[in-house]
Amino acid sequence: MAKYDITYSCGHTETVELYGTQDERFRRQAWLEKNGKCSKCYRREKYADAMGELIEAGYDTLNDGSDKQRAWAESLRLELLQDKSANYTTLIDMDAICSALMSANCPEGKFADFDEAKKSVIDYTLRNRLSAKWWIDARGNAQAQHDVITEWAATITRN
């Protein structure tokens, strides 16, 4: 293990710790200098990719937080949109959704199947939770996610 000052392909320099044999560290250093991006440019690119996909899907941008927080929260939103999120399991839990619909006295047949209801919950969440803080705090927070499902179910029954 050793620390190296790397000047990335983006032109920025950062100190990084590299592990492995000396040859492996030198190979990694050369690769980072030729192909790598500094952490700030990497986050900016990841944020732009997430934002592009969310905007293309018709969702608004987040309205609070630092650049770093918004980038993280947008990547969490994108995971949910792509249905790849392990952070928001309650939001897409069949029992939680069915329970909320029953509690709100949702009429039978409102949704053709569970997948349609799940997509509706995801859409509602992406459209109505525009705070980076909420997305970061709600990761793994079953109560926050349950609250959104309950709110969604109440909205569904009013329509």
C-alpha atoms as a PDB file:
ATOM      1  CA  MET A   1       0.000   0.000   0.000  1.00  0.00           C
ATOM      2  CA  ALA A   2       1.301   3.412  -0.966  1.00  0.00           C
ATOM      3  CA  LYS A   3      -0.034   6.880  -1.676  1.00  0.00           C
ATOM      4  CA  TYR A   4       0.422   8.411  -5.103  1.00  0.00           C
ATOM      5  CA  ASP A   5      -0.405  11.798  -6.581  1.00  0.00           C
ATOM      6  CA  ILE A   6      -2.355  10.985  -9.725  1.00  0.00           C
ATOM      7  CA  THR A   7      -3.003  13.516 -12.474  1.00  0.00           C
ATOM      8  CA  TYR A   8      -6.126  12.087 -14.084  1.00  0.00           C
ATOM      9  CA  SER A   9      -7.104  12.296 -17.742  1.00  0.00           C
ATOM     10  CA  CYS A  10      -9.448  15.165 -16.794  1.00  0.00           C
ATOM     11  CA  GLY A  11      -6.395  17.196 -15.696  1.00  0.00           C
ATOM     12  CA  HIS A  12      -7.142  17.218 -11.953  1.00  0.00           C
ATOM     13  CA  THR A  13      -4.726  15.790  -9.394  1.00  0.00           C
ATOM     14  CA  GLU A  14      -5.646  13.747  -6.311  1.00  0.00           C
ATOM     15  CA  THR A  15      -3.743  11.643  -3.820  1.00  0.00           C
ATOM     16  CA  VAL A  16      -4.886   8.031  -3.841  1.00  0.00           C
ATOM     17  CA  GLU A  17      -3.910   4.890  -1.996  1.00  0.00           C
ATOM     18  CA  LEU A  18      -3.014   2.002  -4.263  1.00  0.00           C
ATOM     19  CA  TYR A  19      -2.643  -1.598  -3.127  1.00  0.00           C
ATOM     20  CA  GLY A  20      -0.843  -4.611  -4.530  1.00  0.00           C
ATOM     21  CA  THR A  21       2.667  -5.258  -5.673  1.00  0.00           C
ATOM     22  CA  GLN A  22       4.784  -2.387  -6.905  1.00  0.00           C
ATOM     23  CA  ASP A  23       4.177  -3.434 -10.530  1.00  0.00           C
ATOM     24  CA  GLU A  24       0.414  -3.595  -9.961  1.00  0.00           C
ATOM     25  CA  ARG A  25       0.440  -0.142  -8.354  1.00  0.00           C
ATOM     26  CA  PHE A  26       2.423   1.348 -11.245  1.00  0.00           C
ATOM     27  CA  ARG A  27       0.059  -0.244 -13.789  1.00  0.00           C
ATOM     28  CA  ARG A  28      -2.951   1.125 -11.925  1.00  0.00           C
ATOM     29  CA  GLN A  29      -1.344   4.571 -11.680  1.00  0.00           C
ATOM     30  CA  ALA A  30      -0.659   4.612 -15.436  1.00  0.00           C
ATOM     31  CA  TRP A  31      -4.211   3.486 -16.196  1.00  0.00           C
ATOM     32  CA  LEU A  32      -5.736   6.172 -13.941  1.00  0.00           C
ATOM     33  CA  GLU A  33      -3.600   8.873 -15.541  1.00  0.00           C
ATOM     34  CA  LYS A  34      -4.606   7.761 -19.036  1.00  0.00           C
ATOM     35  CA  ASN A  35      -8.284   6.779 -18.504  1.00  0.00           C
ATOM     36  CA  GLY A  36      -9.418   7.810 -15.025  1.00  0.00           C
ATOM     37  CA  LYS A  37     -11.392  10.797 -13.793  1.00  0.00           C
ATOM     38  CA  CYS A  38     -10.935  12.543 -10.480  1.00  0.00           C
ATOM     39  CA  SER A  39     -13.667  11.984  -7.907  1.00  0.00           C
ATOM     40  CA  LYS A  40     -15.289  15.362  -8.607  1.00  0.00           C
ATOM     41  CA  CYS A  41     -15.484  14.823 -12.384  1.00  0.00           C
ATOM     42  CA  TYR A  42     -16.686  11.243 -11.866  1.00  0.00           C
ATOM     43  CA  ARG A  43     -19.523  12.431  -9.589  1.00  0.00           C
ATOM     44  CA  ARG A  44     -20.411  15.227 -12.023  1.00  0.00           C
ATOM     45  CA  GLU A  45     -20.599  12.733 -14.913  1.00  0.00           C
ATOM     46  CA  LYS A  46     -22.627  10.254 -12.881  1.00  0.00           C
ATOM     47  CA  TYR A  47     -25.003  13.049 -11.827  1.00  0.00           C
ATOM     48  CA  ALA A  48     -25.397  14.220 -15.433  1.00  0.00           C
ATOM     49  CA  ASP A  49     -26.188  10.670 -16.597  1.00  0.00           C
ATOM     50  CA  ALA A  50     -28.775  10.176 -13.858  1.00  0.00           C
ATOM     51  CA  MET A  51     -30.301  13.600 -14.482  1.00  0.00           C
ATOM     52  CA  GLY A  52     -30.487  13.007 -18.223  1.00  0.00           C
ATOM     53  CA  GLU A  53     -32.378   9.759 -17.807  1.00  0.00           C
ATOM     54  CA  LEU A  54     -34.740  11.153 -15.162  1.00  0.00           C
ATOM     55  CA  ILE A  55     -35.480  14.297 -17.185  1.00  0.00           C
ATOM     56  CA  GLU A  56     -35.992  12.194 -20.306  1.00  0.00           C
ATOM     57  CA  ALA A  57     -38.533  10.147 -18.342  1.00  0.00           C
ATOM     58  CA  GLY A  58     -40.356  13.377 -17.419  1.00  0.00           C
ATOM     59  CA  TYR A  59     -39.280  13.834 -13.798  1.00  0.00           C
ATOM     60  CA  ASP A  60     -38.270  17.132 -12.179  1.00  0.00           C
ATOM     61  CA  THR A  61     -34.858  17.748 -10.655  1.00  0.00           C
ATOM     62  CA  LEU A  62     -34.257  17.821  -6.926  1.00  0.00           C
ATOM     63  CA  ASN A  63     -34.584  21.214  -5.274  1.00  0.00           C
ATOM     64  CA  ASP A  64     -32.165  21.128  -2.329  1.00  0.00           C
ATOM     65  CA  GLY A  65     -28.821  19.895  -1.085  1.00  0.00           C
ATOM     66  CA  SER A  66     -25.234  20.368  -2.140  1.00  0.00           C
ATOM     67  CA  ASP A  67     -24.008  19.202  -5.540  1.00  0.00           C
ATOM     68  CA  LYS A  68     -22.648  16.055  -3.937  1.00  0.00           C
ATOM     69  CA  GLN A  69     -25.925  15.319  -2.091  1.00  0.00           C
ATOM     70  CA  ARG A  70     -28.013  15.937  -5.220  1.00  0.00           C
ATOM     71  CA  ALA A  71     -25.739  13.677  -7.273  1.00  0.00           C
ATOM     72  CA  TRP A  72     -26.096  10.893  -4.711  1.00  0.00           C
ATOM     73  CA  ALA A  73     -29.851  11.357  -4.386  1.00  0.00           C
ATOM     74  CA  GLU A  74     -30.337  11.466  -8.171  1.00  0.00           C
ATOM     75  CA  SER A  75     -28.416   8.205  -8.507  1.00  0.00           C
ATOM     76  CA  LEU A  76     -30.746   6.693  -5.884  1.00  0.00           C
ATOM     77  CA  ARG A  77     -33.773   7.973  -7.816  1.00  0.00           C
ATOM     78  CA  LEU A  78     -32.379   6.488 -11.017  1.00  0.00           C
ATOM     79  CA  GLU A  79     -31.909   3.102  -9.336  1.00  0.00           C
ATOM     80  CA  LEU A  80     -35.544   3.177  -8.280  1.00  0.00           C
ATOM     81  CA  LEU A  81     -36.669   4.212 -11.770  1.00  0.00           C
ATOM     82  CA  GLN A  82     -34.696   1.322 -13.237  1.00  0.00           C
ATOM     83  CA  ASP A  83     -36.158  -0.986 -10.553  1.00  0.00           C
ATOM     84  CA  LYS A  84     -32.664  -1.964  -9.377  1.00  0.00           C
ATOM     85  CA  SER A  85     -32.796  -0.509  -5.894  1.00  0.00           C
ATOM     86  CA  ALA A  86     -32.040  -2.513  -2.799  1.00  0.00           C
ATOM     87  CA  ASN A  87     -32.324   0.723  -0.776  1.00  0.00           C
ATOM     88  CA  TYR A  88     -36.083   1.154  -1.143  1.00  0.00           C
ATOM     89  CA  THR A  89     -37.443  -2.351  -0.693  1.00  0.00           C
ATOM     90  CA  THR A  90     -40.502  -1.178   1.271  1.00  0.00           C
ATOM     91  CA  LEU A  91     -41.532   1.121  -1.580  1.00  0.00           C
ATOM     92  CA  ILE A  92     -41.837  -1.840  -3.906  1.00  0.00           C
ATOM     93  CA  ASP A  93     -43.030  -4.433  -1.383  1.00  0.00           C
ATOM     94  CA  MET A  94     -46.238  -6.142  -2.448  1.00  0.00           C
ATOM     95  CA  ASP A  95     -47.571  -6.542   1.093  1.00  0.00           C
ATOM     96  CA  ALA A  96     -46.956  -2.869   1.939  1.00  0.00           C
ATOM     97  CA  ILE A  97     -48.652  -1.680  -1.252  1.00  0.00           C
ATOM     98  CA  CYS A  98     -51.640  -4.026  -0.925  1.00  0.00           C
ATOM     99  CA  SER A  99     -52.051  -3.145   2.738  1.00  0.00           C
ATOM    100  CA  ALA A 100     -52.012   0.584   1.969  1.00  0.00           C
ATOM    101  CA  LEU A 101     -54.565   0.155  -0.813  1.00  0.00           C
ATOM    102  CA  MET A 102     -56.863  -1.836   1.484  1.00  0.00           C
ATOM    103  CA  SER A 103     -56.516   0.714   4.307  1.00  0.00           C
ATOM    104  CA  ALA A 104     -57.401   3.522   1.903  1.00  0.00           C
ATOM    105  CA  ASN A 105     -60.436   1.560   0.643  1.00  0.00           C
ATOM    106  CA  CYS A 106     -59.143   1.531  -2.908  1.00  0.00           C
ATOM    107  CA  PRO A 107     -61.718  -0.005  -5.257  1.00  0.00           C
ATOM    108  CA  GLU A 108     -60.919  -3.478  -6.561  1.00  0.00           C
ATOM    109  CA  GLY A 109     -59.641  -3.568 -10.101  1.00  0.00           C
ATOM    110  CA  LYS A 110     -57.962  -0.152  -9.882  1.00  0.00           C
ATOM    111  CA  PHE A 111     -54.755  -1.855 -11.026  1.00  0.00           C
ATOM    112  CA  ALA A 112     -54.538  -4.798 -13.407  1.00  0.00           C
ATOM    113  CA  ASP A 113     -51.745  -6.419 -11.414  1.00  0.00           C
ATOM    114  CA  PHE A 114     -49.098  -5.771  -8.781  1.00  0.00           C
ATOM    115  CA  ASP A 115     -46.507  -4.551 -11.306  1.00  0.00           C
ATOM    116  CA  GLU A 116     -48.872  -1.784 -12.418  1.00  0.00           C
ATOM    117  CA  ALA A 117     -49.420  -0.720  -8.802  1.00  0.00           C
ATOM    118  CA  LYS A 118     -45.665  -0.832  -8.122  1.00  0.00           C
ATOM    119  CA  LYS A 119     -44.969   1.378 -11.153  1.00  0.00           C
ATOM    120  CA  SER A 120     -47.588   3.800  -9.887  1.00  0.00           C
ATOM    121  CA  VAL A 121     -45.897   3.974  -6.450  1.00  0.00           C
ATOM    122  CA  ILE A 122     -42.489   4.551  -8.059  1.00  0.00           C
ATOM    123  CA  ASP A 123     -43.896   7.255 -10.351  1.00  0.00           C
ATOM    124  CA  TYR A 124     -45.646   8.973  -7.426  1.00  0.00           C
ATOM    125  CA  THR A 125     -42.459   8.916  -5.350  1.00  0.00           C
ATOM    126  CA  LEU A 126     -40.249  10.262  -8.147  1.00  0.00           C
ATOM    127  CA  ARG A 127     -42.713  13.084  -8.857  1.00  0.00           C
ATOM    128  CA  ASN A 128     -43.478  14.070  -5.260  1.00  0.00           C
ATOM    129  CA  ARG A 129     -40.219  13.585  -3.362  1.00  0.00           C
ATOM    130  CA  LEU A 130     -37.957  16.341  -4.691  1.00  0.00           C
ATOM    131  CA  SER A 131     -35.701  16.720  -1.681  1.00  0.00           C
ATOM    132  CA  ALA A 132     -32.203  15.206  -1.806  1.00  0.00           C
ATOM    133  CA  LYS A 133     -32.425  14.935   1.986  1.00  0.00           C
ATOM    134  CA  TRP A 134     -35.520  12.715   1.746  1.00  0.00           C
ATOM    135  CA  TRP A 135     -33.892  10.348  -0.752  1.00  0.00           C
ATOM    136  CA  ILE A 136     -30.752   9.997   1.332  1.00  0.00           C
ATOM    137  CA  ASP A 137     -32.606   9.655   4.659  1.00  0.00           C
ATOM    138  CA  ALA A 138     -35.185   7.216   3.257  1.00  0.00           C
ATOM    139  CA  ARG A 139     -32.557   4.683   2.164  1.00  0.00           C
ATOM    140  CA  GLY A 140     -33.377   1.575   4.145  1.00  0.00           C
ATOM    141  CA  ASN A 141     -35.900   3.538   6.247  1.00  0.00           C
ATOM    142  CA  ALA A 142     -39.032   1.400   6.081  1.00  0.00           C
ATOM    143  CA  GLN A 143     -41.172   3.971   7.923  1.00  0.00           C
ATOM    144  CA  ALA A 144     -40.369   6.819   5.507  1.00  0.00           C
ATOM    145  CA  GLN A 145     -41.113   4.544   2.572  1.00  0.00           C
ATOM    146  CA  HIS A 146     -44.314   3.270   4.186  1.00  0.00           C
ATOM    147  CA  ASP A 147     -45.449   6.864   4.698  1.00  0.00           C
ATOM    148  CA  VAL A 148     -45.060   7.523   0.959  1.00  0.00           C
ATOM    149  CA  ILE A 149     -47.062   4.402   0.090  1.00  0.00           C
ATOM    150  CA  THR A 150     -49.839   5.439   2.490  1.00  0.00           C
ATOM    151  CA  GLU A 151     -49.888   8.945   0.992  1.00  0.00           C
ATOM    152  CA  TRP A 152     -49.924   7.440  -2.524  1.00  0.00           C
ATOM    153  CA  ALA A 153     -52.806   5.103  -1.678  1.00  0.00           C
ATOM    154  CA  ALA A 154     -54.848   8.002  -0.281  1.00  0.00           C
ATOM    155  CA  THR A 155     -54.200   9.947  -3.491  1.00  0.00           C
ATOM    156  CA  ILE A 156     -55.206   6.977  -5.641  1.00  0.00           C
ATOM    157  CA  THR A 157     -58.547   6.563  -3.878  1.00  0.00           C
ATOM    158  CA  ARG A 158     -59.357  10.266  -4.281  1.00  0.00           C
ATOM    159  CA  ASN A 159     -58.898  10.055  -8.062  1.00  0.00           C
END
